[in-house]
Amino acid sequence: PTTELVPGDIAFLVGGTIIPADIKWLRGDEMSIDTAALTGEPIPRKYPSEEYGDVLLSGTTVKAGECYGQVTATGTNTEIGQAQADVMKDKAVKVESVFYQKIMFVVQ
């Protein structure tokens, strides 16, 4: 199961798969990867390539191709995991408006 992946594991990716972790392409076909979940780009990227490198990012979708890859990061250590952690960190900060502070001063 993908929930048990750890860095160093070897994964086999095929068309239609949502990539479960950041995975370094090792060998296989040239991959067509839909990165819209991360970048918003409507056109799939080709991996490996000089422009995008050889790391397939978690949360993206394999459109075509098959390959073996090595898991490099999982969970909040992935690109998408870091973005989510940053959003949650921002939501955890409590910001009080001046209006709220004045109301609370009067009420207390």
Protein backbone atom coordinates (compact mmCIF):
# COMPACT_ATOMS: atom_id res chain seq x y z
CA PRO A 1 0.00 0.00 0.00
CA THR A 2 1.10 3.53 -0.72
CA THR A 3 0.59 4.49 2.93
CA GLU A 4 3.60 2.32 3.82
CA LEU A 5 6.07 3.93 1.39
CA VAL A 6 9.32 5.19 2.86
CA PRO A 7 12.28 6.94 1.24
CA GLY A 8 14.41 4.39 -0.61
CA ASP A 9 11.51 2.17 -1.71
CA ILE A 10 11.21 1.33 -5.42
CA ALA A 11 7.82 2.05 -6.99
CA PHE A 12 6.37 1.03 -10.37
CA LEU A 13 4.29 3.80 -11.94
CA VAL A 14 1.80 3.32 -14.80
CA GLY A 15 -0.70 5.52 -16.63
CA GLY A 16 -3.58 6.70 -14.45
CA THR A 17 -1.60 6.54 -11.20
CA ILE A 18 -1.65 9.47 -8.80
CA ILE A 19 1.94 9.69 -7.63
CA PRO A 20 1.93 8.98 -3.87
CA ALA A 21 5.34 10.46 -2.98
CA ASP A 22 8.19 12.40 -4.55
CA ILE A 23 9.83 9.77 -6.75
CA LYS A 24 13.10 9.90 -8.70
CA TRP A 25 12.73 8.34 -12.17
CA LEU A 26 15.17 5.42 -12.49
CA ARG A 27 14.31 3.65 -15.74
CA GLY A 28 11.46 3.03 -18.11
CA ASP A 29 9.45 5.03 -20.62
CA GLU A 30 9.43 8.77 -21.01
CA MET A 31 6.61 9.78 -18.69
CA SER A 32 3.82 12.22 -19.43
CA ILE A 33 2.84 13.76 -16.09
CA ASP A 34 -0.16 16.01 -15.40
CA THR A 35 1.18 18.60 -12.96
CA ALA A 36 -1.97 20.77 -12.89
CA ALA A 37 -2.51 19.99 -9.18
CA LEU A 38 0.77 21.78 -8.37
CA THR A 39 1.34 24.26 -11.18
CA GLY A 40 -2.04 24.84 -12.80
CA GLU A 41 -0.51 24.11 -16.20
CA PRO A 42 -3.00 22.34 -18.49
CA ILE A 43 -0.36 20.61 -20.64
CA PRO A 44 1.35 17.49 -19.21
CA ARG A 45 5.11 17.64 -18.69
CA LYS A 46 7.60 15.06 -19.99
CA TYR A 47 9.90 13.34 -17.51
CA PRO A 48 12.81 12.86 -17.36
CA SER A 49 13.88 16.03 -19.13
CA GLU A 50 16.53 18.70 -18.83
CA GLU A 51 13.86 21.33 -18.22
CA TYR A 52 11.96 19.55 -15.41
CA GLY A 53 14.53 17.07 -14.12
CA ASP A 54 13.82 13.48 -13.11
CA VAL A 55 11.81 13.81 -9.89
CA LEU A 56 8.09 13.06 -10.23
CA LEU A 57 6.21 15.05 -7.62
CA SER A 58 3.61 13.73 -5.21
CA GLY A 59 0.02 14.57 -6.09
CA THR A 60 0.60 14.67 -9.83
CA THR A 61 -0.93 12.13 -12.21
CA VAL A 62 0.75 9.80 -14.70
CA LYS A 63 -0.93 10.34 -18.09
CA ALA A 64 1.22 7.97 -20.15
CA GLY A 65 4.24 5.72 -19.74
CA GLU A 66 5.58 3.21 -17.26
CA CYS A 67 8.66 3.50 -15.10
CA TYR A 68 10.45 2.42 -11.99
CA GLY A 69 11.37 5.11 -9.51
CA GLN A 70 12.88 5.50 -6.08
CA VAL A 71 10.91 7.25 -3.35
CA THR A 72 12.82 10.33 -2.19
CA ALA A 73 10.27 11.98 0.13
CA THR A 74 6.89 11.23 1.69
CA GLY A 75 4.23 13.12 3.65
CA THR A 76 5.08 16.68 4.64
CA ASN A 77 8.61 16.26 3.26
CA THR A 78 7.24 16.32 -0.33
CA GLU A 79 6.76 19.50 -2.36
CA ILE A 80 2.98 19.41 -1.99
CA GLY A 81 3.28 18.37 1.66
CA GLN A 82 5.44 21.41 2.43
CA ALA A 83 2.93 23.69 0.72
CA GLN A 84 0.10 22.21 2.77
CA ALA A 85 2.12 22.51 5.99
CA ASP A 86 2.80 26.19 5.23
CA VAL A 87 -0.92 26.84 4.69
CA MET A 88 -1.82 25.09 7.94
CA LYS A 89 0.88 27.06 9.77
CA ASP A 90 -0.59 30.34 8.51
CA LYS A 91 -4.08 29.25 9.62
CA ALA A 92 -2.77 28.52 13.11
CA VAL A 93 -1.68 32.14 13.63
CA LYS A 94 -4.31 34.08 15.54
CA VAL A 95 -4.71 37.63 14.26
CA GLU A 96 -6.92 40.06 16.13
CA SER A 97 -8.17 43.19 14.44
CA VAL A 98 -8.05 46.56 16.19
CA PHE A 99 -11.87 46.51 16.25
CA TYR A 100 -11.88 43.13 18.01
CA GLN A 101 -9.31 44.33 20.55
CA LYS A 102 -11.40 47.45 21.38
CA ILE A 103 -14.58 45.38 21.76
CA MET A 104 -12.81 42.94 24.05
CA PHE A 105 -11.40 45.83 26.09
CA VAL A 106 -14.91 47.22 26.63
CA VAL A 107 -16.41 43.81 27.40
CA GLN A 108 -13.77 42.89 29.95
